[in-house]
Amino acid sequence: MKIKAVFNRDGGTFRTTDMDAYGAKVEEVFHAAGHEIEIAAVSGGEMNDVLEKAARRDDLDAIIAGGGDGTISAAAAVAWKNGMPLGIVPAGTMNLFARSLKLPLDIWKVLDVLANGRIIEADIGSADGHAFVHQFSTGLHARMVRLRDSYSFGSRTGKIMASTRAALGVILNPPEFEVEIHIDGKEERRRISAISVSNNHFGRDTLMYADSVTGGHLGFYTAPPLKPAGVAKLAVDILRGKFRDSAIITETSGQAVDLHFPKSQGRSNCVIDGELKPLGRDVALRIHPGELKLLVGADAA
């Protein structure tokens, strides 16, 4: 295959990596596997433009994107829109999509897996047409990300510390709101503290990431109005990998989820694959089975 690899040199692990040495290793591994490969290490602000240009080329068989979850999500949107197979190098803090794909989380070890991998047809979600590979959420998670982003941090450790401070702030002041829910034609109205919609169900006994991205459905999770003690209990369940088993969470699935927030004043937020976005009064969430072509390990299910 002929491949273009684009790495976010500002993202996570790459900030402290010798990118010249890394590029040389990428070339060595992919050439040994019989591939042609071009490499670009660019700033975060340049990633989308470089990926867009690569995805539109008719002489490439695949692109590879390297960076954190936000970078990978943006790359998946580009690949999906252009029908270009995508491989990922996880270089962020959580690397949730890479975990779903059973890829090594080490930026050096993942190279052999990708170079000797295969292309599968995976699912991708969308929120009002905005692609997501992991999840859409609002309520508790959105408030935590908004608080976290209000703090200054310049490293992975700093981000973890900021997230811890933000989580404590949410525990002490959890949100509560009304939502009208339409799932595959079924309607109901709830008062809740959190919604999460995932690209396929989250796995059990894991952090909040899917075991498979080929199931063809959205996972839909809500938490009822919570007091601080309830939020703390939910946080412990999440850290223990017991989110789906939590007595607090209500779970279902579907292919089409429409949300209406009747009392929204236009000041609320949502989180799409870790990135904070404005939340509209209405959100249409869909699953697109098999529409994202992914370069994964040869043994991936």
C-alpha atoms as a PDB file:
ATOM      1  CA  MET A   1       0.000   0.000   0.000  1.00  0.00           C
ATOM      2  CA  LYS A   2       0.929   3.637  -0.407  1.00  0.00           C
ATOM      3  CA  ILE A   3       0.260   5.467   2.853  1.00  0.00           C
ATOM      4  CA  LYS A   4       0.495   9.011   4.180  1.00  0.00           C
ATOM      5  CA  ALA A   5       1.197   9.329   7.928  1.00  0.00           C
ATOM      6  CA  VAL A   6       0.394  12.628   9.648  1.00  0.00           C
ATOM      7  CA  PHE A   7       1.483  13.137  13.256  1.00  0.00           C
ATOM      8  CA  ASN A   8       0.361  15.899  15.603  1.00  0.00           C
ATOM      9  CA  ARG A   9       3.707  16.955  17.053  1.00  0.00           C
ATOM     10  CA  ASP A  10       1.858  19.068  19.671  1.00  0.00           C
ATOM     11  CA  GLY A  11      -0.163  16.134  20.954  1.00  0.00           C
ATOM     12  CA  GLY A  12       0.539  14.121  24.099  1.00  0.00           C
ATOM     13  CA  THR A  13       3.441  11.702  23.743  1.00  0.00           C
ATOM     14  CA  PHE A  14       4.728  13.365  20.576  1.00  0.00           C
ATOM     15  CA  ARG A  15       5.551  16.565  22.494  1.00  0.00           C
ATOM     16  CA  THR A  16       8.494  14.789  24.114  1.00  0.00           C
ATOM     17  CA  THR A  17       9.384  12.501  21.193  1.00  0.00           C
ATOM     18  CA  ASP A  18      12.283  12.997  18.789  1.00  0.00           C
ATOM     19  CA  MET A  19      10.077  13.197  15.697  1.00  0.00           C
ATOM     20  CA  ASP A  20      12.992  12.749  13.277  1.00  0.00           C
ATOM     21  CA  ALA A  21      13.930   9.485  14.987  1.00  0.00           C
ATOM     22  CA  TYR A  22      10.300   8.428  15.097  1.00  0.00           C
ATOM     23  CA  GLY A  23       9.815   9.183  11.414  1.00  0.00           C
ATOM     24  CA  ALA A  24      12.881   7.102  10.572  1.00  0.00           C
ATOM     25  CA  LYS A  25      11.448   4.186  12.549  1.00  0.00           C
ATOM     26  CA  VAL A  26       8.082   4.506  10.791  1.00  0.00           C
ATOM     27  CA  GLU A  27       9.810   4.339   7.410  1.00  0.00           C
ATOM     28  CA  GLU A  28      11.876   1.336   8.462  1.00  0.00           C
ATOM     29  CA  VAL A  29       8.909  -0.663   9.732  1.00  0.00           C
ATOM     30  CA  PHE A  30       6.538   0.090   6.846  1.00  0.00           C
ATOM     31  CA  HIS A  31       9.165  -0.394   4.140  1.00  0.00           C
ATOM     32  CA  ALA A  32      10.033  -3.765   5.690  1.00  0.00           C
ATOM     33  CA  ALA A  33       6.353  -4.737   5.376  1.00  0.00           C
ATOM     34  CA  GLY A  34       6.340  -3.786   1.697  1.00  0.00           C
ATOM     35  CA  HIS A  35       4.600  -0.394   1.893  1.00  0.00           C
ATOM     36  CA  GLU A  36       5.436   3.037   0.554  1.00  0.00           C
ATOM     37  CA  ILE A  37       4.965   5.723   3.172  1.00  0.00           C
ATOM     38  CA  GLU A  38       5.137   9.506   3.370  1.00  0.00           C
ATOM     39  CA  ILE A  39       5.499  11.170   6.769  1.00  0.00           C
ATOM     40  CA  ALA A  40       4.508  14.624   7.994  1.00  0.00           C
ATOM     41  CA  ALA A  41       4.869  15.867  11.577  1.00  0.00           C
ATOM     42  CA  VAL A  42       2.778  19.032  11.838  1.00  0.00           C
ATOM     43  CA  SER A  43       1.268  21.317  14.468  1.00  0.00           C
ATOM     44  CA  GLY A  44      -2.182  20.653  15.844  1.00  0.00           C
ATOM     45  CA  GLY A  45      -3.534  23.605  13.904  1.00  0.00           C
ATOM     46  CA  GLU A  46      -2.286  22.141  10.628  1.00  0.00           C
ATOM     47  CA  MET A  47      -3.572  18.595  11.115  1.00  0.00           C
ATOM     48  CA  ASN A  48      -6.987  18.937   9.504  1.00  0.00           C
ATOM     49  CA  ASP A  49      -5.732  20.672   6.369  1.00  0.00           C
ATOM     50  CA  VAL A  50      -2.957  18.135   5.841  1.00  0.00           C
ATOM     51  CA  LEU A  51      -5.305  15.196   6.454  1.00  0.00           C
ATOM     52  CA  GLU A  52      -7.963  16.642   4.137  1.00  0.00           C
ATOM     53  CA  LYS A  53      -5.454  17.018   1.302  1.00  0.00           C
ATOM     54  CA  ALA A  54      -4.133  13.489   1.850  1.00  0.00           C
ATOM     55  CA  ALA A  55      -7.617  11.949   1.990  1.00  0.00           C
ATOM     56  CA  ARG A  56      -8.536  13.483  -1.353  1.00  0.00           C
ATOM     57  CA  ARG A  57      -5.499  12.057  -3.144  1.00  0.00           C
ATOM     58  CA  ASP A  58      -6.241   9.220  -5.572  1.00  0.00           C
ATOM     59  CA  ASP A  59      -2.725   7.780  -5.353  1.00  0.00           C
ATOM     60  CA  LEU A  60      -2.984   6.809  -1.655  1.00  0.00           C
ATOM     61  CA  ASP A  61      -4.412   3.580  -0.250  1.00  0.00           C
ATOM     62  CA  ALA A  62      -4.664   4.750   3.365  1.00  0.00           C
ATOM     63  CA  ILE A  63      -3.768   7.518   5.797  1.00  0.00           C
ATOM     64  CA  ILE A  64      -2.428   7.223   9.332  1.00  0.00           C
ATOM     65  CA  ALA A  65      -3.075   9.853  11.995  1.00  0.00           C
ATOM     66  CA  GLY A  66      -1.132  10.157  15.232  1.00  0.00           C
ATOM     67  CA  GLY A  67      -2.222  12.111  18.289  1.00  0.00           C
ATOM     68  CA  GLY A  68      -4.716  12.196  21.146  1.00  0.00           C
ATOM     69  CA  ASP A  69      -8.403  11.320  21.076  1.00  0.00           C
ATOM     70  CA  GLY A  70      -9.372  14.726  19.649  1.00  0.00           C
ATOM     71  CA  THR A  71      -6.895  14.369  16.792  1.00  0.00           C
ATOM     72  CA  ILE A  72      -8.021  10.814  16.071  1.00  0.00           C
ATOM     73  CA  SER A  73     -11.680  11.823  16.064  1.00  0.00           C
ATOM     74  CA  ALA A  74     -11.007  14.645  13.601  1.00  0.00           C
ATOM     75  CA  ALA A  75      -8.989  12.293  11.394  1.00  0.00           C
ATOM     76  CA  ALA A  76     -11.820   9.742  11.427  1.00  0.00           C
ATOM     77  CA  ALA A  77     -14.264  12.425  10.294  1.00  0.00           C
ATOM     78  CA  VAL A  78     -11.989  13.257   7.366  1.00  0.00           C
ATOM     79  CA  ALA A  79     -11.472   9.590   6.469  1.00  0.00           C
ATOM     80  CA  TRP A  80     -15.215   8.849   6.687  1.00  0.00           C
ATOM     81  CA  LYS A  81     -16.162  11.803   4.512  1.00  0.00           C
ATOM     82  CA  ASN A  82     -13.643  10.835   1.844  1.00  0.00           C
ATOM     83  CA  GLY A  83     -13.929   7.039   2.033  1.00  0.00           C
ATOM     84  CA  MET A  84     -10.220   6.725   2.868  1.00  0.00           C
ATOM     85  CA  PRO A  85      -8.969   3.919   5.153  1.00  0.00           C
ATOM     86  CA  LEU A  86      -7.494   5.221   8.416  1.00  0.00           C
ATOM     87  CA  GLY A  87      -4.869   3.858  10.776  1.00  0.00           C
ATOM     88  CA  ILE A  88      -4.197   5.473  14.145  1.00  0.00           C
ATOM     89  CA  VAL A  89      -1.148   5.951  16.353  1.00  0.00           C
ATOM     90  CA  PRO A  90      -2.367   6.625  19.920  1.00  0.00           C
ATOM     91  CA  ALA A  91      -0.367   9.459  21.469  1.00  0.00           C
ATOM     92  CA  GLY A  92      -2.863  10.980  23.891  1.00  0.00           C
ATOM     93  CA  THR A  93      -3.860  10.628  27.533  1.00  0.00           C
ATOM     94  CA  MET A  94      -6.691   8.086  27.376  1.00  0.00           C
ATOM     95  CA  ASN A  95      -6.501   6.755  23.782  1.00  0.00           C
ATOM     96  CA  LEU A  96     -10.017   5.341  24.066  1.00  0.00           C
ATOM     97  CA  PHE A  97     -10.589   4.552  20.394  1.00  0.00           C
ATOM     98  CA  ALA A  98      -7.244   2.770  20.177  1.00  0.00           C
ATOM     99  CA  ARG A  99      -8.349   0.632  23.136  1.00  0.00           C
ATOM    100  CA  SER A 100     -11.554  -0.264  21.281  1.00  0.00           C
ATOM    101  CA  LEU A 101      -9.441  -1.361  18.304  1.00  0.00           C
ATOM    102  CA  LYS A 102      -7.167  -3.465  20.563  1.00  0.00           C
ATOM    103  CA  LEU A 103      -4.115  -1.529  19.381  1.00  0.00           C
ATOM    104  CA  PRO A 104      -0.925  -1.232  21.455  1.00  0.00           C
ATOM    105  CA  LEU A 105      -0.898   2.105  23.295  1.00  0.00           C
ATOM    106  CA  ASP A 106       2.862   2.465  22.814  1.00  0.00           C
ATOM    107  CA  ILE A 107       3.624   4.687  19.803  1.00  0.00           C
ATOM    108  CA  TRP A 108       6.604   2.500  18.867  1.00  0.00           C
ATOM    109  CA  LYS A 109       4.967  -0.917  19.277  1.00  0.00           C
ATOM    110  CA  VAL A 110       1.846   0.017  17.310  1.00  0.00           C
ATOM    111  CA  LEU A 111       3.888   0.485  14.132  1.00  0.00           C
ATOM    112  CA  ASP A 112       4.468  -3.237  13.533  1.00  0.00           C
ATOM    113  CA  VAL A 113       0.783  -3.949  14.142  1.00  0.00           C
ATOM    114  CA  LEU A 114      -0.366  -1.367  11.601  1.00  0.00           C
ATOM    115  CA  ALA A 115       2.288  -2.231   9.023  1.00  0.00           C
ATOM    116  CA  ASN A 116       1.183  -5.868   9.094  1.00  0.00           C
ATOM    117  CA  GLY A 117      -2.510  -5.187   9.626  1.00  0.00           C
ATOM    118  CA  ARG A 118      -5.660  -5.303   7.550  1.00  0.00           C
ATOM    119  CA  ILE A 119      -8.552  -3.006   6.688  1.00  0.00           C
ATOM    120  CA  ILE A 120     -11.974  -3.542   8.260  1.00  0.00           C
ATOM    121  CA  GLU A 121     -15.328  -1.811   7.817  1.00  0.00           C
ATOM    122  CA  ALA A 122     -16.205  -0.233  11.158  1.00  0.00           C
ATOM    123  CA  ASP A 123     -19.037   1.896  12.498  1.00  0.00           C
ATOM    124  CA  ILE A 124     -18.962   5.622  13.139  1.00  0.00           C
ATOM    125  CA  GLY A 125     -21.482   7.807  14.930  1.00  0.00           C
ATOM    126  CA  SER A 126     -22.676  11.312  14.176  1.00  0.00           C
ATOM    127  CA  ALA A 127     -24.286  14.122  16.153  1.00  0.00           C
ATOM    128  CA  ASP A 128     -26.072  16.488  13.769  1.00  0.00           C
ATOM    129  CA  GLY A 129     -23.656  15.263  11.101  1.00  0.00           C
ATOM    130  CA  HIS A 130     -20.555  15.805  13.286  1.00  0.00           C
ATOM    131  CA  ALA A 131     -18.668  12.504  13.364  1.00  0.00           C
ATOM    132  CA  PHE A 132     -17.693  10.731  16.572  1.00  0.00           C
ATOM    133  CA  VAL A 133     -15.815   7.484  17.048  1.00  0.00           C
ATOM    134  CA  HIS A 134     -16.194   7.272  20.823  1.00  0.00           C
ATOM    135  CA  GLN A 135     -19.098   9.164  22.392  1.00  0.00           C
ATOM    136  CA  PHE A 136     -21.400  12.149  22.602  1.00  0.00           C
ATOM    137  CA  SER A 137     -22.265  13.277  26.127  1.00  0.00           C
ATOM    138  CA  THR A 138     -23.832  16.109  28.052  1.00  0.00           C
ATOM    139  CA  GLY A 139     -24.528  16.862  31.678  1.00  0.00           C
ATOM    140  CA  LEU A 140     -21.913  15.644  34.159  1.00  0.00           C
ATOM    141  CA  HIS A 141     -19.201  14.993  31.597  1.00  0.00           C
ATOM    142  CA  ALA A 142     -19.684  18.273  29.751  1.00  0.00           C
ATOM    143  CA  ARG A 143     -19.548  20.246  32.999  1.00  0.00           C
ATOM    144  CA  MET A 144     -16.353  18.454  34.008  1.00  0.00           C
ATOM    145  CA  VAL A 145     -14.650  19.154  30.670  1.00  0.00           C
ATOM    146  CA  ARG A 146     -15.714  22.812  30.804  1.00  0.00           C
ATOM    147  CA  LEU A 147     -14.226  23.150  34.286  1.00  0.00           C
ATOM    148  CA  ARG A 148     -11.067  21.261  33.286  1.00  0.00           C
ATOM    149  CA  ASP A 149     -10.519  23.483  30.271  1.00  0.00           C
ATOM    150  CA  SER A 150     -10.793  26.558  32.476  1.00  0.00           C
ATOM    151  CA  TYR A 151      -7.606  25.490  34.283  1.00  0.00           C
ATOM    152  CA  SER A 152      -4.114  25.907  32.862  1.00  0.00           C
ATOM    153  CA  PHE A 153      -2.066  22.793  32.122  1.00  0.00           C
ATOM    154  CA  GLY A 154       0.812  22.099  29.762  1.00  0.00           C
ATOM    155  CA  SER A 155       1.498  18.389  30.216  1.00  0.00           C
ATOM    156  CA  ARG A 156      -0.209  15.020  30.525  1.00  0.00           C
ATOM    157  CA  THR A 157       0.247  15.138  34.302  1.00  0.00           C
ATOM    158  CA  GLY A 158      -1.163  18.660  34.409  1.00  0.00           C
ATOM    159  CA  LYS A 159      -4.204  17.550  32.413  1.00  0.00           C
ATOM    160  CA  ILE A 160      -4.831  14.673  34.835  1.00  0.00           C
ATOM    161  CA  MET A 161      -4.573  17.050  37.806  1.00  0.00           C
ATOM    162  CA  ALA A 162      -6.931  19.530  36.125  1.00  0.00           C
ATOM    163  CA  SER A 163      -9.401  16.704  35.422  1.00  0.00           C
ATOM    164  CA  THR A 164      -9.281  15.674  39.083  1.00  0.00           C
ATOM    165  CA  ARG A 165     -10.038  19.228  40.226  1.00  0.00           C
ATOM    166  CA  ALA A 166     -12.860  19.476  37.689  1.00  0.00           C
ATOM    167  CA  ALA A 167     -14.357  16.145  38.786  1.00  0.00           C
ATOM    168  CA  LEU A 168     -14.457  17.367  42.377  1.00  0.00           C
ATOM    169  CA  GLY A 169     -16.215  20.545  41.234  1.00  0.00           C
ATOM    170  CA  VAL A 170     -18.876  18.504  39.419  1.00  0.00           C
ATOM    171  CA  ILE A 171     -19.395  16.215  42.417  1.00  0.00           C
ATOM    172  CA  LEU A 172     -20.117  19.259  44.582  1.00  0.00           C
ATOM    173  CA  ASN A 173     -22.431  20.887  42.000  1.00  0.00           C
ATOM    174  CA  PRO A 174     -24.016  18.324  39.634  1.00  0.00           C
ATOM    175  CA  PRO A 175     -26.282  19.490  36.801  1.00  0.00           C
ATOM    176  CA  GLU A 176     -29.932  18.508  36.438  1.00  0.00           C
ATOM    177  CA  PHE A 177     -32.102  19.022  33.339  1.00  0.00           C
ATOM    178  CA  GLU A 178     -35.061  17.745  31.324  1.00  0.00           C
ATOM    179  CA  VAL A 179     -34.787  15.936  28.012  1.00  0.00           C
ATOM    180  CA  GLU A 180     -37.222  14.420  25.544  1.00  0.00           C
ATOM    181  CA  ILE A 181     -35.810  11.206  24.115  1.00  0.00           C
ATOM    182  CA  HIS A 182     -36.753   9.503  20.848  1.00  0.00           C
ATOM    183  CA  ILE A 183     -35.015   6.161  20.209  1.00  0.00           C
ATOM    184  CA  ASP A 184     -35.965   4.213  17.099  1.00  0.00           C
ATOM    185  CA  GLY A 185     -39.501   5.635  17.249  1.00  0.00           C
ATOM    186  CA  LYS A 186     -40.038   5.234  21.017  1.00  0.00           C
ATOM    187  CA  GLU A 187     -40.550   8.438  23.004  1.00  0.00           C
ATOM    188  CA  GLU A 188     -40.139   9.409  26.649  1.00  0.00           C
ATOM    189  CA  ARG A 189     -39.297  12.397  28.799  1.00  0.00           C
ATOM    190  CA  ARG A 190     -36.840  12.276  31.691  1.00  0.00           C
ATOM    191  CA  ARG A 191     -35.205  14.530  34.240  1.00  0.00           C
ATOM    192  CA  ILE A 192     -31.538  13.561  34.438  1.00  0.00           C
ATOM    193  CA  SER A 193     -27.988  14.573  35.324  1.00  0.00           C
ATOM    194  CA  ALA A 194     -26.141  12.926  32.448  1.00  0.00           C
ATOM    195  CA  ILE A 195     -26.477  11.421  28.980  1.00  0.00           C
ATOM    196  CA  SER A 196     -23.877   9.438  27.096  1.00  0.00           C
ATOM    197  CA  VAL A 197     -24.325   8.058  23.577  1.00  0.00           C
ATOM    198  CA  SER A 198     -21.555   5.753  22.378  1.00  0.00           C
ATOM    199  CA  ASN A 199     -20.391   4.257  19.098  1.00  0.00           C
ATOM    200  CA  ASN A 200     -21.530   0.726  20.040  1.00  0.00           C
ATOM    201  CA  HIS A 201     -21.997  -0.287  23.677  1.00  0.00           C
ATOM    202  CA  PHE A 202     -19.214   0.348  26.149  1.00  0.00           C
ATOM    203  CA  GLY A 203     -17.529  -2.838  27.289  1.00  0.00           C
ATOM    204  CA  ARG A 204     -17.894  -4.369  30.725  1.00  0.00           C
ATOM    205  CA  ASP A 205     -15.029  -4.342  33.261  1.00  0.00           C
ATOM    206  CA  THR A 206     -13.280  -1.582  31.296  1.00  0.00           C
ATOM    207  CA  LEU A 207     -13.061   2.162  31.169  1.00  0.00           C
ATOM    208  CA  MET A 208     -15.764   3.762  29.031  1.00  0.00           C
ATOM    209  CA  TYR A 209     -14.834   2.463  25.593  1.00  0.00           C
ATOM    210  CA  ALA A 210     -16.445  -0.051  23.261  1.00  0.00           C
ATOM    211  CA  ASP A 211     -15.286  -3.659  23.015  1.00  0.00           C
ATOM    212  CA  SER A 212     -16.226  -3.636  19.335  1.00  0.00           C
ATOM    213  CA  VAL A 213     -16.924  -0.965  16.734  1.00  0.00           C
ATOM    214  CA  THR A 214     -18.721  -3.258  14.299  1.00  0.00           C
ATOM    215  CA  GLY A 215     -21.980  -3.969  16.173  1.00  0.00           C
ATOM    216  CA  GLY A 216     -24.048  -1.465  14.214  1.00  0.00           C
ATOM    217  CA  HIS A 217     -25.719   0.356  17.120  1.00  0.00           C
ATOM    218  CA  LEU A 218     -25.486   3.283  19.505  1.00  0.00           C
ATOM    219  CA  GLY A 219     -25.205   2.674  23.232  1.00  0.00           C
ATOM    220  CA  PHE A 220     -27.509   5.030  25.173  1.00  0.00           C
ATOM    221  CA  TYR A 221     -26.943   5.729  28.863  1.00  0.00           C
ATOM    222  CA  THR A 222     -28.553   8.137  31.318  1.00  0.00           C
ATOM    223  CA  ALA A 223     -28.118   8.966  34.996  1.00  0.00           C
ATOM    224  CA  PRO A 224     -31.069  10.329  37.027  1.00  0.00           C
ATOM    225  CA  PRO A 225     -30.860  13.587  38.987  1.00  0.00           C
ATOM    226  CA  LEU A 226     -27.940  13.086  41.367  1.00  0.00           C
ATOM    227  CA  LYS A 227     -26.784  14.602  44.620  1.00  0.00           C
ATOM    228  CA  PRO A 228     -23.051  14.843  45.413  1.00  0.00           C
ATOM    229  CA  ALA A 229     -22.976  11.395  47.031  1.00  0.00           C
ATOM    230  CA  GLY A 230     -24.536   9.850  43.907  1.00  0.00           C
ATOM    231  CA  VAL A 231     -22.040  11.525  41.586  1.00  0.00           C
ATOM    232  CA  ALA A 232     -19.180  10.304  43.789  1.00  0.00           C
ATOM    233  CA  LYS A 233     -20.577   6.755  43.657  1.00  0.00           C
ATOM    234  CA  LEU A 234     -20.858   6.923  39.872  1.00  0.00           C
ATOM    235  CA  ALA A 235     -17.280   8.236  39.598  1.00  0.00           C
ATOM    236  CA  VAL A 236     -16.042   5.269  41.631  1.00  0.00           C
ATOM    237  CA  ASP A 237     -18.000   2.857  39.415  1.00  0.00           C
ATOM    238  CA  ILE A 238     -16.431   4.416  36.305  1.00  0.00           C
ATOM    239  CA  LEU A 239     -12.905   4.210  37.720  1.00  0.00           C
ATOM    240  CA  ARG A 240     -13.531   0.551  38.635  1.00  0.00           C
ATOM    241  CA  GLY A 241     -14.630  -0.177  35.072  1.00  0.00           C
ATOM    242  CA  LYS A 242     -18.173  -0.870  36.289  1.00  0.00           C
ATOM    243  CA  PHE A 243     -20.038   1.910  34.487  1.00  0.00           C
ATOM    244  CA  ARG A 244     -22.496  -0.422  32.754  1.00  0.00           C
ATOM    245  CA  ASP A 245     -23.104  -2.377  35.963  1.00  0.00           C
ATOM    246  CA  SER A 246     -23.763   0.730  38.034  1.00  0.00           C
ATOM    247  CA  ALA A 247     -27.220   0.776  39.648  1.00  0.00           C
ATOM    248  CA  ILE A 248     -27.329   4.484  38.811  1.00  0.00           C
ATOM    249  CA  ILE A 249     -27.170   4.010  35.026  1.00  0.00           C
ATOM    250  CA  THR A 250     -30.101   3.244  32.727  1.00  0.00           C
ATOM    251  CA  GLU A 251     -28.985   1.618  29.472  1.00  0.00           C
ATOM    252  CA  THR A 252     -30.506   0.874  26.085  1.00  0.00           C
ATOM    253  CA  SER A 253     -29.420   0.912  22.447  1.00  0.00           C
ATOM    254  CA  GLY A 254     -30.645   2.013  19.057  1.00  0.00           C
ATOM    255  CA  GLN A 255     -29.666   3.208  15.615  1.00  0.00           C
ATOM    256  CA  ALA A 256     -31.331   6.623  15.737  1.00  0.00           C
ATOM    257  CA  VAL A 257     -31.509   8.820  18.844  1.00  0.00           C
ATOM    258  CA  ASP A 258     -33.115  12.276  18.809  1.00  0.00           C
ATOM    259  CA  LEU A 259     -32.836  14.517  21.863  1.00  0.00           C
ATOM    260  CA  HIS A 260     -34.811  17.670  22.647  1.00  0.00           C
ATOM    261  CA  PHE A 261     -33.904  19.911  25.572  1.00  0.00           C
ATOM    262  CA  PRO A 262     -37.083  21.940  26.184  1.00  0.00           C
ATOM    263  CA  LYS A 263     -35.615  24.323  28.750  1.00  0.00           C
ATOM    264  CA  SER A 264     -32.261  24.942  27.094  1.00  0.00           C
ATOM    265  CA  GLN A 265     -31.272  28.599  27.098  1.00  0.00           C
ATOM    266  CA  GLY A 266     -28.445  28.175  24.593  1.00  0.00           C
ATOM    267  CA  ARG A 267     -25.718  28.205  27.244  1.00  0.00           C
ATOM    268  CA  SER A 268     -25.240  24.456  27.626  1.00  0.00           C
ATOM    269  CA  ASN A 269     -22.417  22.313  26.286  1.00  0.00           C
ATOM    270  CA  CYS A 270     -21.860  18.798  25.053  1.00  0.00           C
ATOM    271  CA  VAL A 271     -18.697  16.761  24.589  1.00  0.00           C
ATOM    272  CA  ILE A 272     -17.948  14.965  21.333  1.00  0.00           C
ATOM    273  CA  ASP A 273     -14.933  12.662  21.579  1.00  0.00           C
ATOM    274  CA  GLY A 274     -13.457  14.745  24.373  1.00  0.00           C
ATOM    275  CA  GLU A 275     -13.967  18.134  22.711  1.00  0.00           C
ATOM    276  CA  LEU A 276     -16.342  20.681  24.267  1.00  0.00           C
ATOM    277  CA  LYS A 277     -19.028  21.933  21.859  1.00  0.00           C
ATOM    278  CA  PRO A 278     -22.160  24.128  22.168  1.00  0.00           C
ATOM    279  CA  LEU A 279     -25.332  22.107  22.759  1.00  0.00           C
ATOM    280  CA  GLY A 280     -28.397  22.944  20.701  1.00  0.00           C
ATOM    281  CA  ARG A 281     -32.005  22.436  21.788  1.00  0.00           C
ATOM    282  CA  ASP A 282     -32.229  19.469  19.411  1.00  0.00           C
ATOM    283  CA  VAL A 283     -29.598  16.848  18.607  1.00  0.00           C
ATOM    284  CA  ALA A 284     -29.888  14.022  16.069  1.00  0.00           C
ATOM    285  CA  LEU A 285     -27.557  11.085  16.778  1.00  0.00           C
ATOM    286  CA  ARG A 286     -27.044   8.299  14.266  1.00  0.00           C
ATOM    287  CA  ILE A 287     -24.904   5.206  13.760  1.00  0.00           C
ATOM    288  CA  HIS A 288     -23.385   4.577  10.329  1.00  0.00           C
ATOM    289  CA  PRO A 289     -22.615   0.842  10.213  1.00  0.00           C
ATOM    290  CA  GLY A 290     -19.526  -0.200   8.272  1.00  0.00           C
ATOM    291  CA  GLU A 291     -18.900   3.259   6.810  1.00  0.00           C
ATOM    292  CA  LEU A 292     -15.490   3.901   8.429  1.00  0.00           C
ATOM    293  CA  LYS A 293     -12.605   1.943   6.917  1.00  0.00           C
ATOM    294  CA  LEU A 294      -9.913   1.260   9.522  1.00  0.00           C
ATOM    295  CA  LEU A 295      -6.413  -0.165   9.365  1.00  0.00           C
ATOM    296  CA  VAL A 296      -6.161  -2.469  12.374  1.00  0.00           C
ATOM    297  CA  GLY A 297      -4.142  -5.417  13.583  1.00  0.00           C
ATOM    298  CA  ALA A 298      -4.317  -8.631  11.579  1.00  0.00           C
ATOM    299  CA  ASP A 299      -5.955 -10.428  14.521  1.00  0.00           C
ATOM    300  CA  ALA A 300      -8.596  -7.761  15.233  1.00  0.00           C
ATOM    301  CA  ALA A 301     -12.161  -9.045  15.326  1.00  0.00           C
END
